[in-house]
Amino acid sequence: MKARFAFLSALALLGATAAPAVLCTSAAAQERSFDRSDRGDQRSAREEMRAGRNMPIRQIERRIIPQMRDDDEYIGFEYDRRAQAYRLKFIRNGRMIWVDVDAQTARVLRISR
C-alpha cells in the first residue's frame, strides 16, 4: 500500500510540474502567426544569404538585440522561408516575446508580447 501511495504521489507531483509547461506551450503556440511549415529552414536562410538576398542573422542580431530592454534575455531565432523573415525570441519577466524581422532589410515587422 505504501508503494502504491508513493507511486501515486510521484505521479501527481510529475503531473503538477509538467502541466504548466504544456499549458504555456499551447498558449504560446496560439499567439504565434509565424508560418510553422517553414520554421527552422536554415538551409534556405543560408542560400538566400549567400545569394545576397538576405542579411546574415548575426548582422540582424547586432541591430535588433540592442534595441530590446536591458532585462530581455535573447533565446535564439527561427527563419521563415516563405515570409523571408527571422523571428528572434526573447524572455521578459518570464514571458516569451517574438520579434519578427525582415531578412533583407532587418526592419522590425512585428513584436508579439
PDB file of N, CA and C in Angstrom:
ATOM      1  N   MET A   1       0.808  -1.183   0.000  1.00  0.00           N
ATOM      2  CA  MET A   1       0.000   0.000   0.000  1.00  0.00           C
ATOM      3  C   MET A   1       0.864   1.266   0.000  1.00  0.00           C
ATOM      4  N   LYS A   2       1.968   1.245   0.786  1.00  0.00           N
ATOM      5  CA  LYS A   2       2.871   2.396   0.818  1.00  0.00           C
ATOM      6  C   LYS A   2       3.482   2.635  -0.557  1.00  0.00           C
ATOM      7  N   ALA A   3       3.851   1.556  -1.247  1.00  0.00           N
ATOM      8  CA  ALA A   3       4.462   1.691  -2.566  1.00  0.00           C
ATOM      9  C   ALA A   3       3.478   2.322  -3.549  1.00  0.00           C
ATOM     10  N   ARG A   4       2.220   1.912  -3.476  1.00  0.00           N
ATOM     11  CA  ARG A   4       1.202   2.480  -4.368  1.00  0.00           C
ATOM     12  C   ARG A   4       0.996   3.963  -4.062  1.00  0.00           C
ATOM     13  N   PHE A   5       0.944   4.315  -2.776  1.00  0.00           N
ATOM     14  CA  PHE A   5       0.791   5.714  -2.378  1.00  0.00           C
ATOM     15  C   PHE A   5       1.974   6.550  -2.867  1.00  0.00           C
ATOM     16  N   ALA A   6       3.186   6.019  -2.721  1.00  0.00           N
ATOM     17  CA  ALA A   6       4.388   6.730  -3.176  1.00  0.00           C
ATOM     18  C   ALA A   6       4.348   6.913  -4.686  1.00  0.00           C
ATOM     19  N   PHE A   7       3.915   5.875  -5.398  1.00  0.00           N
ATOM     20  CA  PHE A   7       3.831   5.961  -6.856  1.00  0.00           C
ATOM     21  C   PHE A   7       2.808   7.022  -7.271  1.00  0.00           C
ATOM     22  N   LEU A   8       1.628   7.004  -6.649  1.00  0.00           N
ATOM     23  CA  LEU A   8       0.594   7.979  -6.982  1.00  0.00           C
ATOM     24  C   LEU A   8       1.023   9.396  -6.612  1.00  0.00           C
ATOM     25  N   SER A   9       1.716   9.542  -5.498  1.00  0.00           N
ATOM     26  CA  SER A   9       2.221  10.864  -5.101  1.00  0.00           C
ATOM     27  C   SER A   9       3.234  11.378  -6.112  1.00  0.00           C
ATOM     28  N   ALA A  10       4.131  10.501  -6.532  1.00  0.00           N
ATOM     29  CA  ALA A  10       5.137  10.892  -7.529  1.00  0.00           C
ATOM     30  C   ALA A  10       4.474  11.249  -8.849  1.00  0.00           C
ATOM     31  N   LEU A  11       3.480  10.463  -9.240  1.00  0.00           N
ATOM     32  CA  LEU A  11       2.763  10.732 -10.482  1.00  0.00           C
ATOM     33  C   LEU A  11       2.037  12.069 -10.410  1.00  0.00           C
ATOM     34  N   ALA A  12       1.398  12.359  -9.288  1.00  0.00           N
ATOM     35  CA  ALA A  12       0.706  13.632  -9.108  1.00  0.00           C
ATOM     36  C   ALA A  12       1.687  14.793  -9.139  1.00  0.00           C
ATOM     37  N   LEU A  13       2.825  14.624  -8.496  1.00  0.00           N
ATOM     38  CA  LEU A  13       3.843  15.673  -8.493  1.00  0.00           C
ATOM     39  C   LEU A  13       4.370  15.907  -9.894  1.00  0.00           C
ATOM     40  N   LEU A  14       4.621  14.852 -10.639  1.00  0.00           N
ATOM     41  CA  LEU A  14       5.094  14.973 -12.014  1.00  0.00           C
ATOM     42  C   LEU A  14       4.058  15.695 -12.859  1.00  0.00           C
ATOM     43  N   GLY A  15       2.810  15.325 -12.704  1.00  0.00           N
ATOM     44  CA  GLY A  15       1.738  15.976 -13.452  1.00  0.00           C
ATOM     45  C   GLY A  15       1.614  17.445 -13.108  1.00  0.00           C
ATOM     46  N   ALA A  16       1.804  17.791 -11.860  1.00  0.00           N
ATOM     47  CA  ALA A  16       1.693  19.183 -11.424  1.00  0.00           C
ATOM     48  C   ALA A  16       2.817  20.029 -11.988  1.00  0.00           C
ATOM     49  N   THR A  17       3.991  19.437 -12.147  1.00  0.00           N
ATOM     50  CA  THR A  17       5.102  20.213 -12.691  1.00  0.00           C
ATOM     51  C   THR A  17       5.084  20.231 -14.199  1.00  0.00           C
ATOM     52  N   ALA A  18       4.553  19.195 -14.837  1.00  0.00           N
ATOM     53  CA  ALA A  18       4.553  19.141 -16.297  1.00  0.00           C
ATOM     54  C   ALA A  18       3.389  19.927 -16.883  1.00  0.00           C
ATOM     55  N   ALA A  19       2.279  19.993 -16.214  1.00  0.00           N
ATOM     56  CA  ALA A  19       1.086  20.631 -16.764  1.00  0.00           C
ATOM     57  C   ALA A  19       1.293  22.106 -17.099  1.00  0.00           C
ATOM     58  N   PRO A  20       1.904  22.929 -16.222  1.00  0.00           N
ATOM     59  CA  PRO A  20       2.080  24.331 -16.580  1.00  0.00           C
ATOM     60  C   PRO A  20       2.909  24.517 -17.840  1.00  0.00           C
ATOM     61  N   ALA A  21       3.921  23.698 -18.044  1.00  0.00           N
ATOM     62  CA  ALA A  21       4.735  23.826 -19.247  1.00  0.00           C
ATOM     63  C   ALA A  21       3.914  23.520 -20.481  1.00  0.00           C
ATOM     64  N   VAL A  22       3.067  22.518 -20.416  1.00  0.00           N
ATOM     65  CA  VAL A  22       2.228  22.182 -21.559  1.00  0.00           C
ATOM     66  C   VAL A  22       1.248  23.312 -21.834  1.00  0.00           C
ATOM     67  N   LEU A  23       0.634  23.859 -20.797  1.00  0.00           N
ATOM     68  CA  LEU A  23      -0.296  24.962 -20.976  1.00  0.00           C
ATOM     69  C   LEU A  23       0.402  26.174 -21.563  1.00  0.00           C
ATOM     70  N   CYS A  24       1.597  26.448 -21.071  1.00  0.00           N
ATOM     71  CA  CYS A  24       2.369  27.586 -21.569  1.00  0.00           C
ATOM     72  C   CYS A  24       2.697  27.401 -23.040  1.00  0.00           C
ATOM     73  N   THR A  25       3.106  26.195 -23.422  1.00  0.00           N
ATOM     74  CA  THR A  25       3.468  25.926 -24.804  1.00  0.00           C
ATOM     75  C   THR A  25       2.258  26.082 -25.714  1.00  0.00           C
ATOM     76  N   SER A  26       1.114  25.535 -25.328  1.00  0.00           N
ATOM     77  CA  SER A  26      -0.050  25.623 -26.198  1.00  0.00           C
ATOM     78  C   SER A  26      -0.552  27.062 -26.291  1.00  0.00           C
ATOM     79  N   ALA A  27      -0.489  27.820 -25.207  1.00  0.00           N
ATOM     80  CA  ALA A  27      -0.896  29.219 -25.254  1.00  0.00           C
ATOM     81  C   ALA A  27       0.052  30.009 -26.145  1.00  0.00           C
ATOM     82  N   ALA A  28       1.330  29.719 -26.025  1.00  0.00           N
ATOM     83  CA  ALA A  28       2.310  30.405 -26.867  1.00  0.00           C
ATOM     84  C   ALA A  28       2.086  30.062 -28.328  1.00  0.00           C
ATOM     85  N   ALA A  29       1.772  28.807 -28.609  1.00  0.00           N
ATOM     86  CA  ALA A  29       1.546  28.386 -29.988  1.00  0.00           C
ATOM     87  C   ALA A  29       0.344  29.101 -30.586  1.00  0.00           C
ATOM     88  N   GLN A  30      -0.671  29.362 -29.777  1.00  0.00           N
ATOM     89  CA  GLN A  30      -1.852  30.036 -30.277  1.00  0.00           C
ATOM     90  C   GLN A  30      -1.566  31.496 -30.607  1.00  0.00           C
ATOM     91  N   GLU A  31      -0.645  32.119 -29.887  1.00  0.00           N
ATOM     92  CA  GLU A  31      -0.333  33.522 -30.121  1.00  0.00           C
ATOM     93  C   GLU A  31       0.460  33.731 -31.401  1.00  0.00           C
ATOM     94  N   ARG A  32       1.144  32.707 -31.844  1.00  0.00           N
ATOM     95  CA  ARG A  32       2.076  32.867 -32.947  1.00  0.00           C
ATOM     96  C   ARG A  32       1.386  32.790 -34.295  1.00  0.00           C
ATOM     97  N   SER A  33       1.760  33.685 -35.195  1.00  0.00           N
ATOM     98  CA  SER A  33       1.228  33.638 -36.548  1.00  0.00           C
ATOM     99  C   SER A  33       2.341  33.351 -37.548  1.00  0.00           C
ATOM    100  N   PHE A  34       3.524  33.104 -37.083  1.00  0.00           N
ATOM    101  CA  PHE A  34       4.671  32.793 -37.934  1.00  0.00           C
ATOM    102  C   PHE A  34       4.386  31.494 -38.662  1.00  0.00           C
ATOM    103  N   ASP A  35       4.744  31.389 -39.912  1.00  0.00           N
ATOM    104  CA  ASP A  35       4.446  30.191 -40.709  1.00  0.00           C
ATOM    105  C   ASP A  35       5.264  29.017 -40.210  1.00  0.00           C
ATOM    106  N   ARG A  36       4.615  28.101 -39.502  1.00  0.00           N
ATOM    107  CA  ARG A  36       5.304  26.980 -38.884  1.00  0.00           C
ATOM    108  C   ARG A  36       5.736  25.928 -39.903  1.00  0.00           C
ATOM    109  N   SER A  37       5.191  25.914 -41.111  1.00  0.00           N
ATOM    110  CA  SER A  37       5.583  24.900 -42.083  1.00  0.00           C
ATOM    111  C   SER A  37       7.018  25.111 -42.560  1.00  0.00           C
ATOM    112  N   ASP A  38       7.502  26.348 -42.481  1.00  0.00           N
ATOM    113  CA  ASP A  38       8.862  26.649 -42.925  1.00  0.00           C
ATOM    114  C   ASP A  38       9.784  26.964 -41.763  1.00  0.00           C
ATOM    115  N   ARG A  39       9.319  26.710 -40.538  1.00  0.00           N
ATOM    116  CA  ARG A  39      10.092  27.035 -39.344  1.00  0.00           C
ATOM    117  C   ARG A  39      11.415  26.289 -39.335  1.00  0.00           C
ATOM    118  N   GLY A  40      12.473  26.998 -39.020  1.00  0.00           N
ATOM    119  CA  GLY A  40      13.767  26.359 -38.880  1.00  0.00           C
ATOM    120  C   GLY A  40      14.410  26.000 -40.197  1.00  0.00           C
ATOM    121  N   ASP A  41      14.025  26.634 -41.261  1.00  0.00           N
ATOM    122  CA  ASP A  41      14.573  26.296 -42.566  1.00  0.00           C
ATOM    123  C   ASP A  41      15.930  26.978 -42.739  1.00  0.00           C
ATOM    124  N   GLN A  42      16.917  26.423 -42.082  1.00  0.00           N
ATOM    125  CA  GLN A  42      18.247  27.030 -42.079  1.00  0.00           C
ATOM    126  C   GLN A  42      18.918  26.960 -43.445  1.00  0.00           C
ATOM    127  N   ARG A  43      18.658  25.901 -44.172  1.00  0.00           N
ATOM    128  CA  ARG A  43      19.276  25.768 -45.499  1.00  0.00           C
ATOM    129  C   ARG A  43      18.824  26.906 -46.411  1.00  0.00           C
ATOM    130  N   SER A  44      17.526  27.201 -46.415  1.00  0.00           N
ATOM    131  CA  SER A  44      17.013  28.302 -47.232  1.00  0.00           C
ATOM    132  C   SER A  44      17.598  29.627 -46.789  1.00  0.00           C
ATOM    133  N   ALA A  45      17.691  29.833 -45.493  1.00  0.00           N
ATOM    134  CA  ALA A  45      18.262  31.078 -44.974  1.00  0.00           C
ATOM    135  C   ALA A  45      19.699  31.239 -45.455  1.00  0.00           C
ATOM    136  N   ARG A  46      20.458  30.157 -45.390  1.00  0.00           N
ATOM    137  CA  ARG A  46      21.854  30.192 -45.825  1.00  0.00           C
ATOM    138  C   ARG A  46      21.955  30.467 -47.328  1.00  0.00           C
ATOM    139  N   GLU A  47      21.101  29.796 -48.116  1.00  0.00           N
ATOM    140  CA  GLU A  47      21.122  30.007 -49.574  1.00  0.00           C
ATOM    141  C   GLU A  47      20.753  31.442 -49.934  1.00  0.00           C
ATOM    142  N   GLU A  48      19.726  31.988 -49.286  1.00  0.00           N
ATOM    143  CA  GLU A  48      19.318  33.370 -49.546  1.00  0.00           C
ATOM    144  C   GLU A  48      20.417  34.354 -49.157  1.00  0.00           C
ATOM    145  N   MET A  49      21.095  34.080 -48.055  1.00  0.00           N
ATOM    146  CA  MET A  49      22.178  34.954 -47.617  1.00  0.00           C
ATOM    147  C   MET A  49      23.349  34.890 -48.597  1.00  0.00           C
ATOM    148  N   ARG A  50      23.710  33.687 -49.021  1.00  0.00           N
ATOM    149  CA  ARG A  50      24.816  33.547 -49.977  1.00  0.00           C
ATOM    150  C   ARG A  50      24.509  34.213 -51.309  1.00  0.00           C
ATOM    151  N   ALA A  51      23.238  34.208 -51.709  1.00  0.00           N
ATOM    152  CA  ALA A  51      22.835  34.840 -52.965  1.00  0.00           C
ATOM    153  C   ALA A  51      22.712  36.360 -52.827  1.00  0.00           C
ATOM    154  N   GLY A  52      22.883  36.865 -51.597  1.00  0.00           N
ATOM    155  CA  GLY A  52      22.829  38.300 -51.383  1.00  0.00           C
ATOM    156  C   GLY A  52      21.425  38.849 -51.212  1.00  0.00           C
ATOM    157  N   ARG A  53      20.441  37.964 -51.060  1.00  0.00           N
ATOM    158  CA  ARG A  53      19.063  38.426 -50.892  1.00  0.00           C
ATOM    159  C   ARG A  53      18.708  38.672 -49.430  1.00  0.00           C
ATOM    160  N   ASN A  54      19.387  38.026 -48.498  1.00  0.00           N
ATOM    161  CA  ASN A  54      19.130  38.195 -47.062  1.00  0.00           C
ATOM    162  C   ASN A  54      20.396  38.614 -46.347  1.00  0.00           C
ATOM    163  N   MET A  55      20.203  39.341 -45.266  1.00  0.00           N
ATOM    164  CA  MET A  55      21.322  39.700 -44.407  1.00  0.00           C
ATOM    165  C   MET A  55      21.684  38.493 -43.544  1.00  0.00           C
ATOM    166  N   PRO A  56      22.933  38.362 -43.170  1.00  0.00           N
ATOM    167  CA  PRO A  56      23.299  37.297 -42.235  1.00  0.00           C
ATOM    168  C   PRO A  56      22.599  37.513 -40.890  1.00  0.00           C
ATOM    169  N   ILE A  57      22.210  36.433 -40.249  1.00  0.00           N
ATOM    170  CA  ILE A  57      21.486  36.535 -38.976  1.00  0.00           C
ATOM    171  C   ILE A  57      22.314  37.253 -37.914  1.00  0.00           C
ATOM    172  N   ARG A  58      23.620  37.071 -37.914  1.00  0.00           N
ATOM    173  CA  ARG A  58      24.456  37.746 -36.899  1.00  0.00           C
ATOM    174  C   ARG A  58      24.396  39.256 -37.069  1.00  0.00           C
ATOM    175  N   GLN A  59      24.320  39.724 -38.295  1.00  0.00           N
ATOM    176  CA  GLN A  59      24.207  41.157 -38.544  1.00  0.00           C
ATOM    177  C   GLN A  59      22.842  41.674 -38.063  1.00  0.00           C
ATOM    178  N   ILE A  60      21.790  40.897 -38.309  1.00  0.00           N
ATOM    179  CA  ILE A  60      20.456  41.268 -37.838  1.00  0.00           C
ATOM    180  C   ILE A  60      20.428  41.285 -36.311  1.00  0.00           C
ATOM    181  N   GLU A  61      21.019  40.273 -35.685  1.00  0.00           N
ATOM    182  CA  GLU A  61      21.071  40.233 -34.217  1.00  0.00           C
ATOM    183  C   GLU A  61      21.787  41.453 -33.659  1.00  0.00           C
ATOM    184  N   ARG A  62      22.889  41.867 -34.306  1.00  0.00           N
ATOM    185  CA  ARG A  62      23.627  43.048 -33.822  1.00  0.00           C
ATOM    186  C   ARG A  62      22.779  44.317 -33.890  1.00  0.00           C
ATOM    187  N   ARG A  63      21.822  44.360 -34.804  1.00  0.00           N
ATOM    188  CA  ARG A  63      20.947  45.531 -34.914  1.00  0.00           C
ATOM    189  C   ARG A  63      19.762  45.468 -33.956  1.00  0.00           C
ATOM    190  N   ILE A  64      19.179  44.288 -33.793  1.00  0.00           N
ATOM    191  CA  ILE A  64      17.922  44.167 -33.052  1.00  0.00           C
ATOM    192  C   ILE A  64      18.123  44.012 -31.545  1.00  0.00           C
ATOM    193  N   ILE A  65      19.062  43.189 -31.129  1.00  0.00           N
ATOM    194  CA  ILE A  65      19.234  42.907 -29.702  1.00  0.00           C
ATOM    195  C   ILE A  65      19.468  44.177 -28.885  1.00  0.00           C
ATOM    196  N   PRO A  66      20.305  45.116 -29.332  1.00  0.00           N
ATOM    197  CA  PRO A  66      20.492  46.346 -28.535  1.00  0.00           C
ATOM    198  C   PRO A  66      19.221  47.197 -28.411  1.00  0.00           C
ATOM    199  N   GLN A  67      18.256  47.017 -29.307  1.00  0.00           N
ATOM    200  CA  GLN A  67      17.013  47.783 -29.249  1.00  0.00           C
ATOM    201  C   GLN A  67      16.050  47.262 -28.181  1.00  0.00           C
ATOM    202  N   MET A  68      16.283  46.052 -27.714  1.00  0.00           N
ATOM    203  CA  MET A  68      15.405  45.465 -26.704  1.00  0.00           C
ATOM    204  C   MET A  68      15.797  45.992 -25.325  1.00  0.00           C
ATOM    205  N   ARG A  69      14.896  45.804 -24.359  1.00  0.00           N
ATOM    206  CA  ARG A  69      15.155  46.275 -22.999  1.00  0.00           C
ATOM    207  C   ARG A  69      16.307  45.505 -22.378  1.00  0.00           C
ATOM    208  N   ASP A  70      16.934  46.128 -21.390  1.00  0.00           N
ATOM    209  CA  ASP A  70      18.082  45.512 -20.726  1.00  0.00           C
ATOM    210  C   ASP A  70      17.733  44.208 -20.026  1.00  0.00           C
ATOM    211  N   ASP A  71      16.492  44.065 -19.566  1.00  0.00           N
ATOM    212  CA  ASP A  71      16.128  42.851 -18.843  1.00  0.00           C
ATOM    213  C   ASP A  71      15.620  41.737 -19.763  1.00  0.00           C
ATOM    214  N   ASP A  72      15.636  41.962 -21.079  1.00  0.00           N
ATOM    215  CA  ASP A  72      15.242  40.928 -22.030  1.00  0.00           C
ATOM    216  C   ASP A  72      16.401  39.965 -22.231  1.00  0.00           C
ATOM    217  N   GLU A  73      16.092  38.684 -22.189  1.00  0.00           N
ATOM    218  CA  GLU A  73      17.103  37.656 -22.418  1.00  0.00           C
ATOM    219  C   GLU A  73      16.894  37.072 -23.808  1.00  0.00           C
ATOM    220  N   TYR A  74      17.915  37.169 -24.665  1.00  0.00           N
ATOM    221  CA  TYR A  74      17.820  36.642 -26.028  1.00  0.00           C
ATOM    222  C   TYR A  74      17.949  35.127 -25.997  1.00  0.00           C
ATOM    223  N   ILE A  75      17.005  34.433 -26.653  1.00  0.00           N
ATOM    224  CA  ILE A  75      16.965  32.972 -26.663  1.00  0.00           C
ATOM    225  C   ILE A  75      17.508  32.396 -27.967  1.00  0.00           C
ATOM    226  N   GLY A  76      17.129  32.963 -29.094  1.00  0.00           N
ATOM    227  CA  GLY A  76      17.550  32.436 -30.391  1.00  0.00           C
ATOM    228  C   GLY A  76      16.617  32.912 -31.485  1.00  0.00           C
ATOM    229  N   PHE A  77      16.646  32.220 -32.629  1.00  0.00           N
ATOM    230  CA  PHE A  77      15.854  32.670 -33.773  1.00  0.00           C
ATOM    231  C   PHE A  77      15.329  31.484 -34.570  1.00  0.00           C
ATOM    232  N   GLU A  78      14.347  31.788 -35.422  1.00  0.00           N
ATOM    233  CA  GLU A  78      13.813  30.871 -36.419  1.00  0.00           C
ATOM    234  C   GLU A  78      13.791  31.627 -37.733  1.00  0.00           C
ATOM    235  N   TYR A  79      13.769  30.903 -38.853  1.00  0.00           N
ATOM    236  CA  TYR A  79      13.675  31.539 -40.160  1.00  0.00           C
ATOM    237  C   TYR A  79      12.442  31.027 -40.874  1.00  0.00           C
ATOM    238  N   ASP A  80      11.695  31.931 -41.502  1.00  0.00           N
ATOM    239  CA  ASP A  80      10.520  31.585 -42.294  1.00  0.00           C
ATOM    240  C   ASP A  80      10.843  31.894 -43.755  1.00  0.00           C
ATOM    241  N   ARG A  81      11.025  30.826 -44.526  1.00  0.00           N
ATOM    242  CA  ARG A  81      11.410  30.978 -45.932  1.00  0.00           C
ATOM    243  C   ARG A  81      10.347  31.716 -46.723  1.00  0.00           C
ATOM    244  N   ARG A  82       9.089  31.374 -46.504  1.00  0.00           N
ATOM    245  CA  ARG A  82       8.007  31.983 -47.285  1.00  0.00           C
ATOM    246  C   ARG A  82       7.918  33.486 -47.033  1.00  0.00           C
ATOM    247  N   ALA A  83       8.040  33.903 -45.782  1.00  0.00           N
ATOM    248  CA  ALA A  83       7.944  35.323 -45.432  1.00  0.00           C
ATOM    249  C   ALA A  83       9.287  36.036 -45.571  1.00  0.00           C
ATOM    250  N   GLN A  84      10.349  35.294 -45.762  1.00  0.00           N
ATOM    251  CA  GLN A  84      11.713  35.822 -45.761  1.00  0.00           C
ATOM    252  C   GLN A  84      11.916  36.713 -44.541  1.00  0.00           C
ATOM    253  N   ALA A  85      11.655  36.087 -43.389  1.00  0.00           N
ATOM    254  CA  ALA A  85      11.752  36.824 -42.126  1.00  0.00           C
ATOM    255  C   ALA A  85      12.358  35.933 -41.052  1.00  0.00           C
ATOM    256  N   TYR A  86      13.042  36.571 -40.136  1.00  0.00           N
ATOM    257  CA  TYR A  86      13.552  35.892 -38.950  1.00  0.00           C
ATOM    258  C   TYR A  86      12.622  36.217 -37.793  1.00  0.00           C
ATOM    259  N   ARG A  87      12.493  35.293 -36.877  1.00  0.00           N
ATOM    260  CA  ARG A  87      11.780  35.530 -35.623  1.00  0.00           C
ATOM    261  C   ARG A  87      12.804  35.387 -34.512  1.00  0.00           C
ATOM    262  N   LEU A  88      13.147  36.502 -33.888  1.00  0.00           N
ATOM    263  CA  LEU A  88      14.058  36.488 -32.749  1.00  0.00           C
ATOM    264  C   LEU A  88      13.233  36.317 -31.488  1.00  0.00           C
ATOM    265  N   LYS A  89      13.701  35.467 -30.588  1.00  0.00           N
ATOM    266  CA  LYS A  89      12.937  35.135 -29.381  1.00  0.00           C
ATOM    267  C   LYS A  89      13.657  35.666 -28.149  1.00  0.00           C
ATOM    268  N   PHE A  90      12.878  36.320 -27.292  1.00  0.00           N
ATOM    269  CA  PHE A  90      13.380  36.894 -26.053  1.00  0.00           C
ATOM    270  C   PHE A  90      12.468  36.459 -24.908  1.00  0.00           C
ATOM    271  N   ILE A  91      12.999  36.500 -23.688  1.00  0.00           N
ATOM    272  CA  ILE A  91      12.187  36.295 -22.499  1.00  0.00           C
ATOM    273  C   ILE A  91      12.259  37.564 -21.669  1.00  0.00           C
ATOM    274  N   ARG A  92      11.074  38.058 -21.280  1.00  0.00           N
ATOM    275  CA  ARG A  92      10.971  39.238 -20.429  1.00  0.00           C
ATOM    276  C   ARG A  92      10.029  38.901 -19.278  1.00  0.00           C
ATOM    277  N   ASN A  93      10.540  38.955 -18.074  1.00  0.00           N
ATOM    278  CA  ASN A  93       9.730  38.677 -16.879  1.00  0.00           C
ATOM    279  C   ASN A  93       8.994  37.345 -16.991  1.00  0.00           C
ATOM    280  N   GLY A  94       9.667  36.332 -17.510  1.00  0.00           N
ATOM    281  CA  GLY A  94       9.077  35.005 -17.609  1.00  0.00           C
ATOM    282  C   GLY A  94       8.143  34.807 -18.789  1.00  0.00           C
ATOM    283  N   ARG A  95       7.981  35.796 -19.643  1.00  0.00           N
ATOM    284  CA  ARG A  95       7.094  35.686 -20.812  1.00  0.00           C
ATOM    285  C   ARG A  95       7.915  35.744 -22.089  1.00  0.00           C
ATOM    286  N   MET A  96       7.498  34.952 -23.069  1.00  0.00           N
ATOM    287  CA  MET A  96       8.187  34.920 -24.361  1.00  0.00           C
ATOM    288  C   MET A  96       7.741  36.112 -25.207  1.00  0.00           C
ATOM    289  N   ILE A  97       8.706  36.746 -25.853  1.00  0.00           N
ATOM    290  CA  ILE A  97       8.444  37.848 -26.781  1.00  0.00           C
ATOM    291  C   ILE A  97       9.099  37.480 -28.105  1.00  0.00           C
ATOM    292  N   TRP A  98       8.332  37.604 -29.202  1.00  0.00           N
ATOM    293  CA  TRP A  98       8.861  37.310 -30.524  1.00  0.00           C
ATOM    294  C   TRP A  98       8.982  38.608 -31.297  1.00  0.00           C
ATOM    295  N   VAL A  99      10.122  38.779 -31.959  1.00  0.00           N
ATOM    296  CA  VAL A  99      10.343  39.953 -32.792  1.00  0.00           C
ATOM    297  C   VAL A  99      10.555  39.444 -34.216  1.00  0.00           C
ATOM    298  N   ASP A 100       9.580  39.726 -35.099  1.00  0.00           N
ATOM    299  CA  ASP A 100       9.684  39.321 -36.494  1.00  0.00           C
ATOM    300  C   ASP A 100      10.440  40.410 -37.250  1.00  0.00           C
ATOM    301  N   VAL A 101      11.476  39.973 -37.997  1.00  0.00           N
ATOM    302  CA  VAL A 101      12.381  40.910 -38.653  1.00  0.00           C
ATOM    303  C   VAL A 101      12.516  40.531 -40.120  1.00  0.00           C
ATOM    304  N   ASP A 102      12.389  41.512 -41.004  1.00  0.00           N
ATOM    305  CA  ASP A 102      12.588  41.284 -42.438  1.00  0.00           C
ATOM    306  C   ASP A 102      14.035  40.850 -42.660  1.00  0.00           C
ATOM    307  N   ALA A 103      14.232  39.726 -43.327  1.00  0.00           N
ATOM    308  CA  ALA A 103      15.571  39.168 -43.515  1.00  0.00           C
ATOM    309  C   ALA A 103      16.410  39.970 -44.505  1.00  0.00           C
ATOM    310  N   GLN A 104      15.773  40.767 -45.346  1.00  0.00           N
ATOM    311  CA  GLN A 104      16.510  41.551 -46.333  1.00  0.00           C
ATOM    312  C   GLN A 104      16.965  42.896 -45.786  1.00  0.00           C
ATOM    313  N   THR A 105      16.140  43.505 -44.941  1.00  0.00           N
ATOM    314  CA  THR A 105      16.419  44.874 -44.504  1.00  0.00           C
ATOM    315  C   THR A 105      16.675  45.006 -43.006  1.00  0.00           C
ATOM    316  N   ALA A 106      16.395  43.980 -42.229  1.00  0.00           N
ATOM    317  CA  ALA A 106      16.490  43.986 -40.761  1.00  0.00           C
ATOM    318  C   ALA A 106      15.467  44.925 -40.134  1.00  0.00           C
ATOM    319  N   ARG A 107      14.419  45.256 -40.879  1.00  0.00           N
ATOM    320  CA  ARG A 107      13.338  46.103 -40.360  1.00  0.00           C
ATOM    321  C   ARG A 107      12.423  45.250 -39.491  1.00  0.00           C
ATOM    322  N   VAL A 108      12.077  45.758 -38.309  1.00  0.00           N
ATOM    323  CA  VAL A 108      11.170  45.036 -37.418  1.00  0.00           C
ATOM    324  C   VAL A 108       9.774  45.086 -38.031  1.00  0.00           C
ATOM    325  N   LEU A 109       9.207  43.889 -38.234  1.00  0.00           N
ATOM    326  CA  LEU A 109       7.878  43.772 -38.816  1.00  0.00           C
ATOM    327  C   LEU A 109       6.785  43.728 -37.739  1.00  0.00           C
ATOM    328  N   ARG A 110       7.099  43.051 -36.627  1.00  0.00           N
ATOM    329  CA  ARG A 110       6.092  42.858 -35.588  1.00  0.00           C
ATOM    330  C   ARG A 110       6.769  42.429 -34.303  1.00  0.00           C
ATOM    331  N   ILE A 111       6.215  42.885 -33.191  1.00  0.00           N
ATOM    332  CA  ILE A 111       6.654  42.421 -31.875  1.00  0.00           C
ATOM    333  C   ILE A 111       5.437  41.815 -31.192  1.00  0.00           C
ATOM    334  N   SER A 112       5.529  40.530 -30.878  1.00  0.00           N
ATOM    335  CA  SER A 112       4.438  39.817 -30.207  1.00  0.00           C
ATOM    336  C   SER A 112       4.756  39.730 -28.734  1.00  0.00           C
ATOM    337  N   ARG A 113       3.836  40.104 -27.909  1.00  0.00           N
ATOM    338  CA  ARG A 113       4.045  40.067 -26.458  1.00  0.00           C
ATOM    339  C   ARG A 113       3.102  39.101 -25.826  1.00  0.00           C
TER     340      ARG A 113
END
